Amino acid sequence: MNTFIRLAVASSLTLFISPYGFAQASSQGDGVVTLGGEVVDSACGLEAVSADQTIEMDPEPIGRLLRHTIGRPQPFQLRLVNCTLSRPDPSRPGASLPDWEHLRVTFDGPSDMDGRTFALFGSSEGVALHIQDAAGEESVPGVPMALRPLVEGDMTLHYTLRLVGNGWPLAAGPHSAAVRFKLEYF
């Protein structure tokens, strides 16, 4: 079984400009361009290779899942760069807002096992996806994880993916999952 995990940024880390509008010229030299977007405040940047990851997990034998009830760990990282704790106040030049102190990560996507794990799609059956951080905290789809201290400079957040049984009979086959993550700063 191959597992392809697509981690797509759903964060408030970067300038987001969405071309919802259109460009239309009624006569030569006239036209309208409409753009929608949002500028957000962020303590860190997200390294480009962390923002959109495709992770291919090694095949997992059904026998191993039956014996251990959990698959082999597949590590992945979110690398935050150029973190700064200070926050200038854009509405008052020369003034500051309270410093950033904490970071919170939320993973989200279709869920399985009554919302406790991430659902897999494909022809395999009986398995779901489990995400855990380096401290052992388990991610629940759509539920923010614990606050983490934010540090100046660069920092790497370490996570592990694993297949877990979801209570249904196991069937071999390929599967995939789409998991989004959101980073919030406090």
N, C-alpha and C. Protein backbone atom coordinates (compact mmCIF):
# COMPACT_ATOMS: atom_id res chain seq x y z
N MET A 1 0.84 -1.18 0.00
CA MET A 1 0.00 0.00 0.00
C MET A 1 0.88 1.24 0.00
N ASN A 2 0.69 2.11 -0.89
CA ASN A 2 1.37 3.39 -0.89
C ASN A 2 0.44 4.43 -0.32
N THR A 3 0.99 5.31 0.47
CA THR A 3 0.20 6.41 1.01
C THR A 3 0.79 7.70 0.50
N PHE A 4 0.01 8.51 -0.15
CA PHE A 4 0.45 9.81 -0.60
C PHE A 4 -0.28 10.84 0.24
N ILE A 5 0.45 11.61 0.98
CA ILE A 5 -0.14 12.60 1.85
C ILE A 5 0.19 13.96 1.28
N ARG A 6 -0.80 14.76 1.07
CA ARG A 6 -0.61 16.10 0.53
C ARG A 6 -0.92 17.08 1.64
N LEU A 7 0.10 17.78 2.09
CA LEU A 7 -0.07 18.79 3.12
C LEU A 7 -0.13 20.13 2.43
N ALA A 8 -1.25 20.76 2.47
CA ALA A 8 -1.43 22.03 1.79
C ALA A 8 -1.60 23.14 2.82
N VAL A 9 -0.94 24.24 2.61
CA VAL A 9 -1.01 25.34 3.54
C VAL A 9 -2.40 25.94 3.57
N ALA A 10 -2.90 26.09 4.75
CA ALA A 10 -4.14 26.84 4.96
C ALA A 10 -3.83 27.78 6.11
N SER A 11 -2.82 28.57 5.95
CA SER A 11 -2.32 29.35 7.07
C SER A 11 -2.40 30.83 6.78
N SER A 12 -2.16 31.58 7.82
CA SER A 12 -2.12 33.02 7.69
C SER A 12 -0.68 33.48 7.68
N LEU A 13 0.12 32.86 6.84
CA LEU A 13 1.55 33.14 6.84
C LEU A 13 1.98 34.12 5.77
N THR A 14 1.28 34.21 4.70
CA THR A 14 1.79 34.97 3.58
C THR A 14 0.72 35.90 3.02
N LEU A 15 1.15 36.75 2.14
CA LEU A 15 0.22 37.59 1.42
C LEU A 15 -0.60 36.71 0.51
N PHE A 16 -1.90 36.85 0.58
CA PHE A 16 -2.79 36.03 -0.24
C PHE A 16 -3.55 36.95 -1.17
N ILE A 17 -3.31 36.82 -2.43
CA ILE A 17 -4.05 37.60 -3.42
C ILE A 17 -4.78 36.63 -4.30
N SER A 18 -6.08 36.78 -4.38
CA SER A 18 -6.90 35.87 -5.15
C SER A 18 -7.56 36.64 -6.28
N PRO A 19 -7.31 36.29 -7.51
CA PRO A 19 -7.92 37.02 -8.62
C PRO A 19 -9.35 36.58 -8.86
N TYR A 20 -10.25 37.03 -7.98
CA TYR A 20 -11.66 36.70 -8.12
C TYR A 20 -12.30 37.47 -9.26
N GLY A 21 -11.71 38.58 -9.59
CA GLY A 21 -12.34 39.50 -10.54
C GLY A 21 -12.05 39.15 -11.97
N PHE A 22 -12.13 40.15 -12.79
CA PHE A 22 -11.99 39.97 -14.21
C PHE A 22 -11.37 41.22 -14.81
N ALA A 23 -10.90 41.10 -15.98
CA ALA A 23 -10.42 42.25 -16.73
C ALA A 23 -11.27 42.35 -17.98
N GLN A 24 -11.84 43.51 -18.19
CA GLN A 24 -12.72 43.68 -19.34
C GLN A 24 -12.48 45.07 -19.91
N ALA A 25 -12.31 45.15 -21.18
CA ALA A 25 -12.11 46.44 -21.83
C ALA A 25 -13.30 46.72 -22.73
N SER A 26 -13.99 47.84 -22.46
CA SER A 26 -15.13 48.19 -23.29
C SER A 26 -14.69 48.94 -24.54
N SER A 27 -13.58 49.62 -24.43
CA SER A 27 -12.99 50.28 -25.59
C SER A 27 -11.49 50.34 -25.39
N GLN A 28 -10.79 50.63 -26.41
CA GLN A 28 -9.34 50.63 -26.33
C GLN A 28 -8.89 51.67 -25.30
N GLY A 29 -8.06 51.23 -24.35
CA GLY A 29 -7.53 52.13 -23.34
C GLY A 29 -8.36 52.17 -22.06
N ASP A 30 -9.53 51.57 -22.05
CA ASP A 30 -10.35 51.53 -20.84
C ASP A 30 -10.43 50.10 -20.35
N GLY A 31 -10.62 49.91 -19.04
CA GLY A 31 -10.76 48.56 -18.52
C GLY A 31 -10.97 48.58 -17.02
N VAL A 32 -11.29 47.45 -16.49
CA VAL A 32 -11.52 47.28 -15.06
C VAL A 32 -10.77 46.02 -14.62
N VAL A 33 -10.02 46.11 -13.55
CA VAL A 33 -9.37 44.95 -12.95
C VAL A 33 -9.80 44.92 -11.50
N THR A 34 -10.32 43.80 -11.04
CA THR A 34 -10.76 43.65 -9.66
C THR A 34 -9.95 42.54 -9.01
N LEU A 35 -9.33 42.82 -7.87
CA LEU A 35 -8.59 41.82 -7.12
C LEU A 35 -9.13 41.78 -5.72
N GLY A 36 -9.23 40.60 -5.15
CA GLY A 36 -9.59 40.44 -3.75
C GLY A 36 -8.42 39.80 -3.05
N GLY A 37 -8.21 40.09 -1.81
CA GLY A 37 -7.10 39.49 -1.11
C GLY A 37 -7.09 39.88 0.34
N GLU A 38 -6.04 39.50 1.01
CA GLU A 38 -5.92 39.76 2.43
C GLU A 38 -4.45 39.84 2.78
N VAL A 39 -4.07 40.82 3.56
CA VAL A 39 -2.73 40.91 4.12
C VAL A 39 -2.88 40.57 5.59
N VAL A 40 -2.11 39.63 6.05
CA VAL A 40 -2.22 39.17 7.43
C VAL A 40 -0.91 39.39 8.17
N ASP A 41 -1.00 39.45 9.47
CA ASP A 41 0.16 39.62 10.31
C ASP A 41 0.69 38.24 10.67
N SER A 42 1.97 38.05 10.63
CA SER A 42 2.56 36.74 10.89
C SER A 42 3.90 36.90 11.58
N ALA A 43 4.18 36.01 12.51
CA ALA A 43 5.46 36.05 13.21
C ALA A 43 6.57 35.38 12.43
N CYS A 44 6.23 34.42 11.55
CA CYS A 44 7.23 33.63 10.84
C CYS A 44 6.85 33.47 9.38
N GLY A 45 7.83 33.11 8.60
CA GLY A 45 7.58 32.65 7.24
C GLY A 45 7.63 31.13 7.25
N LEU A 46 7.06 30.52 6.26
CA LEU A 46 7.09 29.07 6.14
C LEU A 46 8.00 28.71 4.98
N GLU A 47 9.01 27.90 5.25
CA GLU A 47 9.93 27.49 4.19
C GLU A 47 9.13 26.84 3.07
N ALA A 48 9.48 27.18 1.83
CA ALA A 48 8.70 26.74 0.67
C ALA A 48 8.50 25.23 0.62
N VAL A 49 9.52 24.45 0.93
CA VAL A 49 9.37 22.99 0.86
C VAL A 49 8.45 22.47 1.95
N SER A 50 8.19 23.25 3.01
CA SER A 50 7.27 22.84 4.06
C SER A 50 5.83 23.18 3.72
N ALA A 51 5.62 24.14 2.84
CA ALA A 51 4.28 24.65 2.59
C ALA A 51 3.41 23.66 1.83
N ASP A 52 3.96 22.93 0.91
CA ASP A 52 3.16 22.03 0.09
C ASP A 52 3.97 20.75 -0.09
N GLN A 53 3.70 19.77 0.75
CA GLN A 53 4.49 18.55 0.75
C GLN A 53 3.68 17.38 0.21
N THR A 54 4.35 16.53 -0.51
CA THR A 54 3.79 15.23 -0.87
C THR A 54 4.68 14.19 -0.22
N ILE A 55 4.11 13.38 0.62
CA ILE A 55 4.88 12.39 1.37
C ILE A 55 4.44 11.01 0.91
N GLU A 56 5.38 10.24 0.43
CA GLU A 56 5.08 8.87 0.02
C GLU A 56 5.54 7.93 1.12
N MET A 57 4.60 7.20 1.67
CA MET A 57 4.93 6.25 2.73
C MET A 57 5.26 4.90 2.09
N ASP A 58 6.15 4.16 2.74
CA ASP A 58 6.49 2.82 2.26
C ASP A 58 5.27 1.91 2.38
N PRO A 59 5.21 0.87 1.54
CA PRO A 59 4.11 -0.08 1.67
C PRO A 59 4.07 -0.68 3.07
N GLU A 60 2.89 -0.89 3.58
CA GLU A 60 2.70 -1.42 4.93
C GLU A 60 2.03 -2.79 4.83
N PRO A 61 2.70 -3.87 5.22
CA PRO A 61 2.10 -5.20 5.16
C PRO A 61 0.91 -5.33 6.12
N ILE A 62 -0.15 -5.97 5.65
CA ILE A 62 -1.33 -6.17 6.50
C ILE A 62 -0.94 -6.92 7.77
N GLY A 63 -0.05 -7.91 7.65
CA GLY A 63 0.36 -8.69 8.81
C GLY A 63 0.97 -7.81 9.90
N ARG A 64 1.76 -6.83 9.52
CA ARG A 64 2.36 -5.92 10.50
C ARG A 64 1.29 -5.09 11.19
N LEU A 65 0.32 -4.60 10.42
CA LEU A 65 -0.77 -3.83 11.02
C LEU A 65 -1.58 -4.70 11.99
N LEU A 66 -1.80 -5.95 11.63
CA LEU A 66 -2.55 -6.85 12.53
C LEU A 66 -1.77 -7.12 13.81
N ARG A 67 -0.45 -7.32 13.70
CA ARG A 67 0.38 -7.60 14.88
C ARG A 67 0.56 -6.37 15.77
N HIS A 68 0.80 -5.21 15.18
CA HIS A 68 1.17 -4.02 15.96
C HIS A 68 0.05 -2.99 16.08
N THR A 69 -0.99 -3.13 15.30
CA THR A 69 -2.14 -2.21 15.26
C THR A 69 -1.80 -0.79 14.82
N ILE A 70 -0.56 -0.57 14.45
CA ILE A 70 -0.13 0.75 14.00
C ILE A 70 1.01 0.57 13.01
N GLY A 71 1.06 1.41 11.99
CA GLY A 71 2.09 1.30 10.97
C GLY A 71 3.41 1.94 11.38
N ARG A 72 4.40 1.78 10.51
CA ARG A 72 5.72 2.38 10.75
C ARG A 72 5.61 3.90 10.72
N PRO A 73 6.43 4.58 11.52
CA PRO A 73 6.40 6.05 11.53
C PRO A 73 6.99 6.64 10.25
N GLN A 74 6.37 7.71 9.77
CA GLN A 74 6.87 8.47 8.62
C GLN A 74 7.03 9.92 9.08
N PRO A 75 8.26 10.36 9.34
CA PRO A 75 8.44 11.73 9.83
C PRO A 75 8.23 12.78 8.73
N PHE A 76 7.78 13.95 9.15
CA PHE A 76 7.74 15.12 8.29
C PHE A 76 7.90 16.35 9.15
N GLN A 77 8.22 17.47 8.52
CA GLN A 77 8.53 18.70 9.26
C GLN A 77 7.82 19.90 8.64
N LEU A 78 7.56 20.87 9.49
CA LEU A 78 7.18 22.20 9.07
C LEU A 78 8.29 23.12 9.55
N ARG A 79 8.96 23.76 8.63
CA ARG A 79 10.11 24.62 8.99
C ARG A 79 9.68 26.07 8.90
N LEU A 80 9.73 26.74 10.04
CA LEU A 80 9.41 28.16 10.14
C LEU A 80 10.70 28.96 10.08
N VAL A 81 10.70 30.00 9.28
CA VAL A 81 11.92 30.79 9.07
C VAL A 81 11.66 32.26 9.38
N ASN A 82 12.75 32.93 9.75
CA ASN A 82 12.72 34.38 10.01
C ASN A 82 11.66 34.78 11.02
N CYS A 83 11.52 34.00 12.07
CA CYS A 83 10.53 34.33 13.10
C CYS A 83 11.00 35.55 13.88
N THR A 84 10.08 36.43 14.14
CA THR A 84 10.36 37.61 14.95
C THR A 84 9.27 37.73 15.99
N LEU A 85 9.66 38.07 17.20
CA LEU A 85 8.69 38.17 18.28
C LEU A 85 8.07 39.55 18.40
N SER A 86 8.77 40.56 17.90
CA SER A 86 8.26 41.93 18.03
C SER A 86 7.21 42.21 16.96
N ARG A 87 6.26 43.09 17.32
CA ARG A 87 5.15 43.40 16.41
C ARG A 87 4.92 44.89 16.36
N PRO A 88 5.35 45.56 15.30
CA PRO A 88 5.04 46.98 15.18
C PRO A 88 3.53 47.16 14.95
N ASP A 89 3.00 48.25 15.48
CA ASP A 89 1.57 48.55 15.32
C ASP A 89 1.38 49.34 14.04
N PRO A 90 0.74 48.76 13.01
CA PRO A 90 0.60 49.46 11.73
C PRO A 90 -0.28 50.70 11.82
N SER A 91 -1.13 50.78 12.84
CA SER A 91 -2.03 51.94 12.95
C SER A 91 -1.40 53.09 13.74
N ARG A 92 -0.27 52.82 14.42
CA ARG A 92 0.42 53.86 15.20
C ARG A 92 1.91 53.77 14.92
N PRO A 93 2.42 54.54 13.99
CA PRO A 93 3.86 54.51 13.66
C PRO A 93 4.71 54.72 14.92
N GLY A 94 5.72 53.87 15.05
CA GLY A 94 6.63 53.95 16.18
C GLY A 94 6.16 53.19 17.41
N ALA A 95 4.92 52.76 17.44
CA ALA A 95 4.37 52.01 18.58
C ALA A 95 4.43 50.51 18.28
N SER A 96 4.32 49.72 19.33
CA SER A 96 4.37 48.27 19.18
C SER A 96 3.15 47.61 19.81
N LEU A 97 2.81 46.47 19.27
CA LEU A 97 1.80 45.59 19.86
C LEU A 97 2.53 44.63 20.78
N PRO A 98 1.82 43.90 21.64
CA PRO A 98 2.51 42.89 22.48
C PRO A 98 3.26 41.88 21.61
N ASP A 99 4.41 41.44 22.10
CA ASP A 99 5.23 40.48 21.36
C ASP A 99 4.48 39.18 21.12
N TRP A 100 4.83 38.52 20.00
CA TRP A 100 4.36 37.16 19.76
C TRP A 100 5.01 36.26 20.80
N GLU A 101 4.27 35.32 21.34
CA GLU A 101 4.83 34.40 22.34
C GLU A 101 4.60 32.93 22.00
N HIS A 102 3.48 32.64 21.33
CA HIS A 102 3.11 31.25 21.11
C HIS A 102 2.68 30.99 19.67
N LEU A 103 2.73 29.73 19.33
CA LEU A 103 2.33 29.22 18.02
C LEU A 103 1.38 28.05 18.27
N ARG A 104 0.37 27.94 17.41
CA ARG A 104 -0.54 26.80 17.50
C ARG A 104 -0.77 26.26 16.10
N VAL A 105 -0.72 24.93 15.97
CA VAL A 105 -0.91 24.25 14.69
C VAL A 105 -2.23 23.48 14.74
N THR A 106 -2.98 23.57 13.65
CA THR A 106 -4.20 22.78 13.50
C THR A 106 -4.11 22.03 12.18
N PHE A 107 -4.23 20.71 12.22
CA PHE A 107 -4.32 19.90 11.02
C PHE A 107 -5.79 19.64 10.76
N ASP A 108 -6.19 19.66 9.51
CA ASP A 108 -7.59 19.45 9.20
C ASP A 108 -7.75 18.69 7.90
N GLY A 109 -8.83 17.97 7.80
CA GLY A 109 -9.14 17.19 6.61
C GLY A 109 -10.26 16.24 6.94
N PRO A 110 -10.68 15.45 5.97
CA PRO A 110 -11.73 14.46 6.24
C PRO A 110 -11.31 13.54 7.38
N SER A 111 -12.26 13.22 8.24
CA SER A 111 -11.92 12.44 9.43
C SER A 111 -12.47 11.02 9.35
N ASP A 112 -11.94 10.19 10.22
CA ASP A 112 -12.33 8.79 10.34
C ASP A 112 -12.39 8.48 11.83
N MET A 113 -12.91 7.33 12.20
CA MET A 113 -12.97 6.87 13.59
C MET A 113 -13.63 7.92 14.48
N ASP A 114 -14.82 8.33 14.13
CA ASP A 114 -15.58 9.31 14.93
C ASP A 114 -14.81 10.61 15.11
N GLY A 115 -14.06 11.02 14.08
CA GLY A 115 -13.36 12.30 14.11
C GLY A 115 -12.01 12.28 14.77
N ARG A 116 -11.49 11.12 15.14
CA ARG A 116 -10.22 11.05 15.87
C ARG A 116 -8.99 10.90 14.98
N THR A 117 -9.17 10.47 13.73
CA THR A 117 -8.06 10.30 12.81
C THR A 117 -8.45 10.88 11.45
N PHE A 118 -7.51 10.87 10.52
CA PHE A 118 -7.74 11.40 9.19
C PHE A 118 -8.12 10.26 8.24
N ALA A 119 -9.14 10.48 7.44
CA ALA A 119 -9.64 9.46 6.52
C ALA A 119 -8.69 9.28 5.34
N LEU A 120 -8.60 8.06 4.87
CA LEU A 120 -7.86 7.72 3.67
C LEU A 120 -8.86 7.36 2.57
N PHE A 121 -8.49 7.63 1.34
CA PHE A 121 -9.35 7.33 0.21
C PHE A 121 -8.59 6.45 -0.76
N GLY A 122 -9.25 5.51 -1.36
CA GLY A 122 -8.64 4.59 -2.30
C GLY A 122 -9.25 3.21 -2.12
N SER A 123 -8.55 2.20 -2.61
CA SER A 123 -9.12 0.85 -2.55
C SER A 123 -8.72 0.08 -1.30
N SER A 124 -7.77 0.59 -0.51
CA SER A 124 -7.47 -0.09 0.75
C SER A 124 -8.62 0.18 1.73
N GLU A 125 -8.76 -0.70 2.68
CA GLU A 125 -9.82 -0.56 3.69
C GLU A 125 -9.26 -0.91 5.05
N GLY A 126 -9.91 -0.37 6.08
CA GLY A 126 -9.55 -0.72 7.45
C GLY A 126 -8.44 0.12 8.05
N VAL A 127 -7.99 1.17 7.36
CA VAL A 127 -6.90 2.00 7.88
C VAL A 127 -7.27 3.47 7.81
N ALA A 128 -6.68 4.22 8.72
CA ALA A 128 -6.81 5.68 8.77
C ALA A 128 -5.42 6.25 9.01
N LEU A 129 -5.31 7.56 9.01
CA LEU A 129 -4.02 8.24 9.18
C LEU A 129 -3.98 8.93 10.54
N HIS A 130 -2.89 8.75 11.22
CA HIS A 130 -2.68 9.33 12.55
C HIS A 130 -1.50 10.28 12.46
N ILE A 131 -1.63 11.49 13.06
CA ILE A 131 -0.54 12.47 13.10
C ILE A 131 -0.23 12.76 14.55
N GLN A 132 1.06 12.78 14.87
CA GLN A 132 1.51 13.03 16.23
C GLN A 132 2.72 13.96 16.19
N ASP A 133 2.84 14.87 17.17
CA ASP A 133 4.00 15.75 17.19
C ASP A 133 5.14 15.11 17.98
N ALA A 134 6.29 15.77 18.02
CA ALA A 134 7.48 15.22 18.67
C ALA A 134 7.30 15.04 20.17
N ALA A 135 6.37 15.78 20.77
CA ALA A 135 6.12 15.65 22.21
C ALA A 135 5.10 14.55 22.51
N GLY A 136 4.56 13.92 21.46
CA GLY A 136 3.60 12.84 21.66
C GLY A 136 2.14 13.27 21.60
N GLU A 137 1.88 14.56 21.35
CA GLU A 137 0.49 15.01 21.26
C GLU A 137 -0.11 14.55 19.93
N GLU A 138 -1.29 13.96 20.01
CA GLU A 138 -1.98 13.47 18.81
C GLU A 138 -2.83 14.58 18.22
N SER A 139 -2.82 14.66 16.90
CA SER A 139 -3.63 15.64 16.21
C SER A 139 -5.00 15.04 15.92
N VAL A 140 -6.03 15.82 16.19
CA VAL A 140 -7.40 15.45 15.88
C VAL A 140 -7.86 16.39 14.77
N PRO A 141 -8.46 15.88 13.70
CA PRO A 141 -8.85 16.75 12.59
C PRO A 141 -9.67 17.96 13.03
N GLY A 142 -9.17 19.15 12.67
CA GLY A 142 -9.87 20.40 12.95
C GLY A 142 -9.73 20.92 14.37
N VAL A 143 -9.03 20.21 15.24
CA VAL A 143 -8.87 20.64 16.64
C VAL A 143 -7.46 21.19 16.82
N PRO A 144 -7.33 22.44 17.29
CA PRO A 144 -6.00 23.01 17.49
C PRO A 144 -5.17 22.20 18.49
N MET A 145 -3.90 22.06 18.19
CA MET A 145 -2.98 21.38 19.11
C MET A 145 -2.56 22.38 20.18
N ALA A 146 -1.84 21.92 21.17
CA ALA A 146 -1.41 22.77 22.28
C ALA A 146 -0.52 23.90 21.79
N LEU A 147 -0.56 25.01 22.53
CA LEU A 147 0.33 26.13 22.23
C LEU A 147 1.77 25.70 22.43
N ARG A 148 2.64 26.21 21.54
CA ARG A 148 4.07 25.96 21.65
C ARG A 148 4.76 27.30 21.79
N PRO A 149 5.86 27.37 22.54
CA PRO A 149 6.58 28.63 22.62
C PRO A 149 7.18 29.00 21.27
N LEU A 150 7.12 30.26 20.95
CA LEU A 150 7.68 30.78 19.70
C LEU A 150 9.06 31.34 19.99
N VAL A 151 10.03 31.04 19.14
CA VAL A 151 11.39 31.52 19.34
C VAL A 151 11.81 32.39 18.16
N GLU A 152 12.71 33.30 18.43
CA GLU A 152 13.27 34.18 17.41
C GLU A 152 14.12 33.36 16.44
N GLY A 153 14.08 33.71 15.16
CA GLY A 153 14.90 33.03 14.16
C GLY A 153 14.13 31.93 13.46
N ASP A 154 14.79 30.78 13.28
CA ASP A 154 14.18 29.64 12.60
C ASP A 154 13.81 28.57 13.61
N MET A 155 12.75 27.85 13.32
CA MET A 155 12.38 26.71 14.15
C MET A 155 11.74 25.64 13.28
N THR A 156 11.92 24.39 13.68
CA THR A 156 11.38 23.26 12.93
C THR A 156 10.41 22.51 13.82
N LEU A 157 9.22 22.27 13.29
CA LEU A 157 8.20 21.50 14.00
C LEU A 157 8.22 20.08 13.43
N HIS A 158 8.40 19.10 14.30
CA HIS A 158 8.54 17.71 13.87
C HIS A 158 7.25 16.94 14.14
N TYR A 159 6.83 16.17 13.14
CA TYR A 159 5.62 15.36 13.24
C TYR A 159 5.88 13.98 12.66
N THR A 160 4.98 13.04 13.01
CA THR A 160 5.05 11.69 12.50
C THR A 160 3.67 11.27 12.00
N LEU A 161 3.64 10.67 10.82
CA LEU A 161 2.44 10.06 10.26
C LEU A 161 2.52 8.56 10.48
N ARG A 162 1.37 7.94 10.73
CA ARG A 162 1.30 6.48 10.82
C ARG A 162 -0.07 6.03 10.35
N LEU A 163 -0.10 4.83 9.81
CA LEU A 163 -1.38 4.20 9.54
C LEU A 163 -1.87 3.54 10.82
N VAL A 164 -3.16 3.62 11.06
CA VAL A 164 -3.76 2.95 12.21
C VAL A 164 -5.02 2.24 11.73
N GLY A 165 -5.39 1.18 12.41
CA GLY A 165 -6.64 0.50 12.09
C GLY A 165 -7.82 1.37 12.47
N ASN A 166 -8.89 1.30 11.67
CA ASN A 166 -10.07 2.10 11.97
C ASN A 166 -11.27 1.25 12.39
N GLY A 167 -11.03 -0.03 12.67
CA GLY A 167 -12.10 -0.89 13.16
C GLY A 167 -12.78 -1.71 12.07
N TRP A 168 -12.49 -1.43 10.81
CA TRP A 168 -13.07 -2.19 9.71
C TRP A 168 -12.08 -3.25 9.26
N PRO A 169 -12.54 -4.31 8.60
CA PRO A 169 -11.61 -5.34 8.11
C PRO A 169 -10.58 -4.72 7.15
N LEU A 170 -9.35 -5.23 7.25
CA LEU A 170 -8.27 -4.73 6.41
C LEU A 170 -8.36 -5.31 5.00
N ALA A 171 -8.12 -4.46 4.02
CA ALA A 171 -8.02 -4.88 2.62
C ALA A 171 -6.87 -4.13 1.99
N ALA A 172 -6.04 -4.84 1.27
CA ALA A 172 -4.87 -4.23 0.63
C ALA A 172 -5.29 -3.36 -0.55
N GLY A 173 -4.49 -2.34 -0.80
CA GLY A 173 -4.72 -1.46 -1.94
C GLY A 173 -4.11 -0.11 -1.71
N PRO A 174 -4.04 0.69 -2.77
CA PRO A 174 -3.48 2.04 -2.62
C PRO A 174 -4.49 2.99 -1.98
N HIS A 175 -3.97 4.02 -1.38
CA HIS A 175 -4.83 5.04 -0.76
C HIS A 175 -4.10 6.37 -0.73
N SER A 176 -4.85 7.43 -0.46
CA SER A 176 -4.27 8.76 -0.35
C SER A 176 -5.09 9.56 0.65
N ALA A 177 -4.55 10.69 1.05
CA ALA A 177 -5.23 11.59 1.97
C ALA A 177 -4.80 13.01 1.67
N ALA A 178 -5.67 13.94 1.96
CA ALA A 178 -5.33 15.36 1.85
C ALA A 178 -5.51 15.97 3.23
N VAL A 179 -4.44 16.52 3.75
CA VAL A 179 -4.46 17.12 5.08
C VAL A 179 -3.96 18.55 4.96
N ARG A 180 -4.74 19.49 5.46
CA ARG A 180 -4.35 20.90 5.48
C ARG A 180 -3.84 21.24 6.88
N PHE A 181 -3.03 22.28 6.97
CA PHE A 181 -2.64 22.75 8.29
C PHE A 181 -2.73 24.26 8.35
N LYS A 182 -2.95 24.75 9.56
CA LYS A 182 -3.06 26.18 9.81
C LYS A 182 -2.12 26.52 10.96
N LEU A 183 -1.39 27.62 10.82
CA LEU A 183 -0.50 28.11 11.87
C LEU A 183 -1.08 29.41 12.41
N GLU A 184 -1.21 29.50 13.72
CA GLU A 184 -1.71 30.70 14.36
C GLU A 184 -0.70 31.18 15.38
N TYR A 185 -0.58 32.49 15.48
CA TYR A 185 0.39 33.10 16.41
C TYR A 185 -0.34 33.92 17.46
N PHE A 186 0.18 33.85 18.69
CA PHE A 186 -0.43 34.58 19.81
C PHE A 186 0.65 35.31 20.59
